[in-house]
Amino acid sequence: MSAYYVEMVAINLRDERITTPPVKVLVDTGSELSWLPKPLLLDAGIAVRGKKRFTVANGDVVERDYGYAILSAEGFSTADEVIFAEDSDLLLLGVRTLEGFCVLVDNVDHRLIARQSLAGSFVGIRD
């Protein structure tokens, strides 16, 4: 598997005309959530809703602010939690956002591929 990057924006949930500029992020299926620069999220009016603790790649435990936004990359979008990354943090497109995009990750051709959404095994079955 090889690392690759895409450009992602965060869109304000209350006013979709307000967005961050495109940010180069690492597509990271090992990260649960997506991480974007804190100053850009705040400038886009994305509010801090709380704090979460994370174990990062080197084993350190960090605490970061999080909020909610519409995240968009390569023509896909979803509403999701987003982490307010500090200057020393990697900028990431995490697996939960990828699942919201309803895509597969093509690590060979470095692209996101649309897939059919899974509804669950009991959808459409009635008593």
C-alpha atoms as a PDB file:
ATOM      1  CA  MET A   1       0.000   0.000   0.000  1.00  0.00           C
ATOM      2  CA  SER A   2       1.282   3.457  -0.831  1.00  0.00           C
ATOM      3  CA  ALA A   3       0.418   6.795   0.693  1.00  0.00           C
ATOM      4  CA  TYR A   4      -1.396   9.392  -1.336  1.00  0.00           C
ATOM      5  CA  TYR A   5      -3.044  12.748  -0.850  1.00  0.00           C
ATOM      6  CA  VAL A   6      -6.234  14.498  -1.952  1.00  0.00           C
ATOM      7  CA  GLU A   7      -7.512  18.034  -1.511  1.00  0.00           C
ATOM      8  CA  MET A   8     -10.344  18.343   0.990  1.00  0.00           C
ATOM      9  CA  VAL A   9     -12.517  21.235   2.152  1.00  0.00           C
ATOM     10  CA  ALA A  10     -14.685  21.646   5.228  1.00  0.00           C
ATOM     11  CA  ILE A  11     -18.019  23.379   4.724  1.00  0.00           C
ATOM     12  CA  ASN A  12     -19.904  25.199   7.468  1.00  0.00           C
ATOM     13  CA  LEU A  13     -23.094  23.258   8.312  1.00  0.00           C
ATOM     14  CA  ARG A  14     -25.089  26.423   9.024  1.00  0.00           C
ATOM     15  CA  ASP A  15     -23.988  28.371   5.964  1.00  0.00           C
ATOM     16  CA  GLU A  16     -22.697  26.205   3.133  1.00  0.00           C
ATOM     17  CA  ARG A  17     -21.301  29.270   1.352  1.00  0.00           C
ATOM     18  CA  ILE A  18     -18.529  29.352   3.992  1.00  0.00           C
ATOM     19  CA  THR A  19     -15.728  26.851   3.392  1.00  0.00           C
ATOM     20  CA  THR A  20     -12.092  26.317   4.173  1.00  0.00           C
ATOM     21  CA  PRO A  21      -9.682  26.590   1.284  1.00  0.00           C
ATOM     22  CA  PRO A  22      -8.695  23.206  -0.196  1.00  0.00           C
ATOM     23  CA  VAL A  23      -6.238  21.403   2.078  1.00  0.00           C
ATOM     24  CA  LYS A  24      -3.872  18.617   1.003  1.00  0.00           C
ATOM     25  CA  VAL A  25      -4.628  15.636   3.299  1.00  0.00           C
ATOM     26  CA  LEU A  26      -3.249  12.118   3.553  1.00  0.00           C
ATOM     27  CA  VAL A  27      -5.808   9.398   2.750  1.00  0.00           C
ATOM     28  CA  ASP A  28      -5.437   7.331   5.929  1.00  0.00           C
ATOM     29  CA  THR A  29      -7.569   4.224   6.430  1.00  0.00           C
ATOM     30  CA  GLY A  30      -5.834   3.780   9.789  1.00  0.00           C
ATOM     31  CA  SER A  31      -7.312   7.013  11.165  1.00  0.00           C
ATOM     32  CA  GLU A  32     -10.918   6.981  12.340  1.00  0.00           C
ATOM     33  CA  LEU A  33     -11.544  10.713  11.874  1.00  0.00           C
ATOM     34  CA  SER A  34     -10.409  13.451   9.498  1.00  0.00           C
ATOM     35  CA  TRP A  35      -8.007  16.169  10.689  1.00  0.00           C
ATOM     36  CA  LEU A  36      -7.837  19.702   9.243  1.00  0.00           C
ATOM     37  CA  PRO A  37      -5.937  22.802  10.423  1.00  0.00           C
ATOM     38  CA  LYS A  38      -7.545  24.440  13.440  1.00  0.00           C
ATOM     39  CA  PRO A  39      -7.152  28.041  12.155  1.00  0.00           C
ATOM     40  CA  LEU A  40      -8.889  27.206   8.860  1.00  0.00           C
ATOM     41  CA  LEU A  41     -11.793  25.469  10.603  1.00  0.00           C
ATOM     42  CA  LEU A  42     -12.255  28.393  12.979  1.00  0.00           C
ATOM     43  CA  ASP A  43     -12.075  30.891  10.083  1.00  0.00           C
ATOM     44  CA  ALA A  44     -14.870  28.941   8.361  1.00  0.00           C
ATOM     45  CA  GLY A  45     -17.036  29.320  11.466  1.00  0.00           C
ATOM     46  CA  ILE A  46     -16.879  25.653  12.414  1.00  0.00           C
ATOM     47  CA  ALA A  47     -17.472  25.575  16.150  1.00  0.00           C
ATOM     48  CA  VAL A  48     -15.521  23.533  18.668  1.00  0.00           C
ATOM     49  CA  ARG A  49     -17.974  21.069  20.230  1.00  0.00           C
ATOM     50  CA  GLY A  50     -15.627  19.290  22.622  1.00  0.00           C
ATOM     51  CA  LYS A  51     -12.341  17.455  23.043  1.00  0.00           C
ATOM     52  CA  LYS A  52     -11.231  13.921  22.218  1.00  0.00           C
ATOM     53  CA  ARG A  53      -8.111  11.933  23.075  1.00  0.00           C
ATOM     54  CA  PHE A  54      -6.151  10.066  20.415  1.00  0.00           C
ATOM     55  CA  THR A  55      -3.184   7.756  20.266  1.00  0.00           C
ATOM     56  CA  VAL A  56      -1.168   8.995  17.277  1.00  0.00           C
ATOM     57  CA  ALA A  57       1.181   7.002  15.019  1.00  0.00           C
ATOM     58  CA  ASN A  58       4.243   7.391  17.281  1.00  0.00           C
ATOM     59  CA  GLY A  59       2.288   6.147  20.320  1.00  0.00           C
ATOM     60  CA  ASP A  60       1.814   9.546  21.975  1.00  0.00           C
ATOM     61  CA  VAL A  61      -1.599  10.398  23.404  1.00  0.00           C
ATOM     62  CA  VAL A  62      -2.900  13.835  22.399  1.00  0.00           C
ATOM     63  CA  GLU A  63      -6.085  15.743  23.101  1.00  0.00           C
ATOM     64  CA  ARG A  64      -7.674  17.764  20.301  1.00  0.00           C
ATOM     65  CA  ASP A  65     -10.805  19.830  19.737  1.00  0.00           C
ATOM     66  CA  TYR A  66     -13.485  18.492  17.418  1.00  0.00           C
ATOM     67  CA  GLY A  67     -16.508  19.908  15.633  1.00  0.00           C
ATOM     68  CA  TYR A  68     -18.973  19.097  12.870  1.00  0.00           C
ATOM     69  CA  ALA A  69     -18.762  20.025   9.194  1.00  0.00           C
ATOM     70  CA  ILE A  70     -19.542  18.846   5.715  1.00  0.00           C
ATOM     71  CA  LEU A  71     -16.310  17.372   4.356  1.00  0.00           C
ATOM     72  CA  SER A  72     -15.724  17.211   0.615  1.00  0.00           C
ATOM     73  CA  ALA A  73     -12.980  15.720  -1.568  1.00  0.00           C
ATOM     74  CA  GLU A  74     -12.793  14.574  -5.195  1.00  0.00           C
ATOM     75  CA  GLY A  75     -16.508  15.188  -5.779  1.00  0.00           C
ATOM     76  CA  PHE A  76     -17.664  13.258  -2.697  1.00  0.00           C
ATOM     77  CA  SER A  77     -19.109  14.794   0.478  1.00  0.00           C
ATOM     78  CA  THR A  78     -20.529  13.825   3.860  1.00  0.00           C
ATOM     79  CA  ALA A  79     -21.366  15.415   7.207  1.00  0.00           C
ATOM     80  CA  ASP A  80     -18.887  14.233   9.838  1.00  0.00           C
ATOM     81  CA  GLU A  81     -16.867  15.063  12.904  1.00  0.00           C
ATOM     82  CA  VAL A  82     -13.619  16.848  12.100  1.00  0.00           C
ATOM     83  CA  ILE A  83     -10.566  17.211  14.325  1.00  0.00           C
ATOM     84  CA  PHE A  84      -8.978  20.652  14.785  1.00  0.00           C
ATOM     85  CA  ALA A  85      -5.363  19.767  13.957  1.00  0.00           C
ATOM     86  CA  GLU A  86      -2.477  21.627  15.586  1.00  0.00           C
ATOM     87  CA  ASP A  87       0.600  22.747  13.605  1.00  0.00           C
ATOM     88  CA  SER A  88       2.532  19.561  14.423  1.00  0.00           C
ATOM     89  CA  ASP A  89      -0.296  17.186  13.401  1.00  0.00           C
ATOM     90  CA  LEU A  90      -0.709  15.314  10.141  1.00  0.00           C
ATOM     91  CA  LEU A  91      -3.690  16.409   8.053  1.00  0.00           C
ATOM     92  CA  LEU A  92      -5.810  13.335   7.390  1.00  0.00           C
ATOM     93  CA  LEU A  93      -8.825  12.018   5.524  1.00  0.00           C
ATOM     94  CA  GLY A  94     -10.016   9.308   7.898  1.00  0.00           C
ATOM     95  CA  VAL A  95     -11.938   6.096   7.374  1.00  0.00           C
ATOM     96  CA  ARG A  96     -15.216   7.363   8.825  1.00  0.00           C
ATOM     97  CA  THR A  97     -15.258  10.179   6.291  1.00  0.00           C
ATOM     98  CA  LEU A  98     -14.382   7.700   3.533  1.00  0.00           C
ATOM     99  CA  GLU A  99     -17.310   5.538   4.619  1.00  0.00           C
ATOM    100  CA  GLY A 100     -19.559   8.607   4.533  1.00  0.00           C
ATOM    101  CA  PHE A 101     -18.331   9.315   1.008  1.00  0.00           C
ATOM    102  CA  CYS A 102     -19.351   5.713   0.155  1.00  0.00           C
ATOM    103  CA  VAL A 103     -16.063   5.039  -1.631  1.00  0.00           C
ATOM    104  CA  LEU A 104     -13.367   2.433  -1.939  1.00  0.00           C
ATOM    105  CA  VAL A 105      -9.721   3.484  -1.718  1.00  0.00           C
ATOM    106  CA  ASP A 106      -7.646   2.561  -4.763  1.00  0.00           C
ATOM    107  CA  ASN A 107      -4.081   2.613  -3.448  1.00  0.00           C
ATOM    108  CA  VAL A 108      -2.580   1.635  -6.809  1.00  0.00           C
ATOM    109  CA  ASP A 109      -4.101   4.372  -8.968  1.00  0.00           C
ATOM    110  CA  HIS A 110      -4.407   6.802  -6.033  1.00  0.00           C
ATOM    111  CA  ARG A 111      -8.069   7.608  -6.312  1.00  0.00           C
ATOM    112  CA  LEU A 112     -11.409   7.194  -4.581  1.00  0.00           C
ATOM    113  CA  ILE A 113     -13.912   4.886  -6.298  1.00  0.00           C
ATOM    114  CA  ALA A 114     -17.663   5.232  -5.748  1.00  0.00           C
ATOM    115  CA  ARG A 115     -19.337   2.106  -4.423  1.00  0.00           C
ATOM    116  CA  GLN A 116     -22.902   1.112  -3.761  1.00  0.00           C
ATOM    117  CA  SER A 117     -24.046   1.840  -0.224  1.00  0.00           C
ATOM    118  CA  LEU A 118     -24.758  -1.128   2.039  1.00  0.00           C
ATOM    119  CA  ALA A 119     -28.232  -0.993   3.554  1.00  0.00           C
ATOM    120  CA  GLY A 120     -28.009  -3.906   5.983  1.00  0.00           C
ATOM    121  CA  SER A 121     -29.351  -7.430   5.935  1.00  0.00           C
ATOM    122  CA  PHE A 122     -32.878  -6.703   7.194  1.00  0.00           C
ATOM    123  CA  VAL A 123     -33.812  -3.678   5.094  1.00  0.00           C
ATOM    124  CA  GLY A 124     -37.101  -4.211   3.282  1.00  0.00           C
ATOM    125  CA  ILE A 125     -38.153  -7.198   5.375  1.00  0.00           C
ATOM    126  CA  ARG A 126     -41.448  -6.722   7.217  1.00  0.00           C
ATOM    127  CA  ASP A 127     -43.466  -8.925   9.514  1.00  0.00           C
END
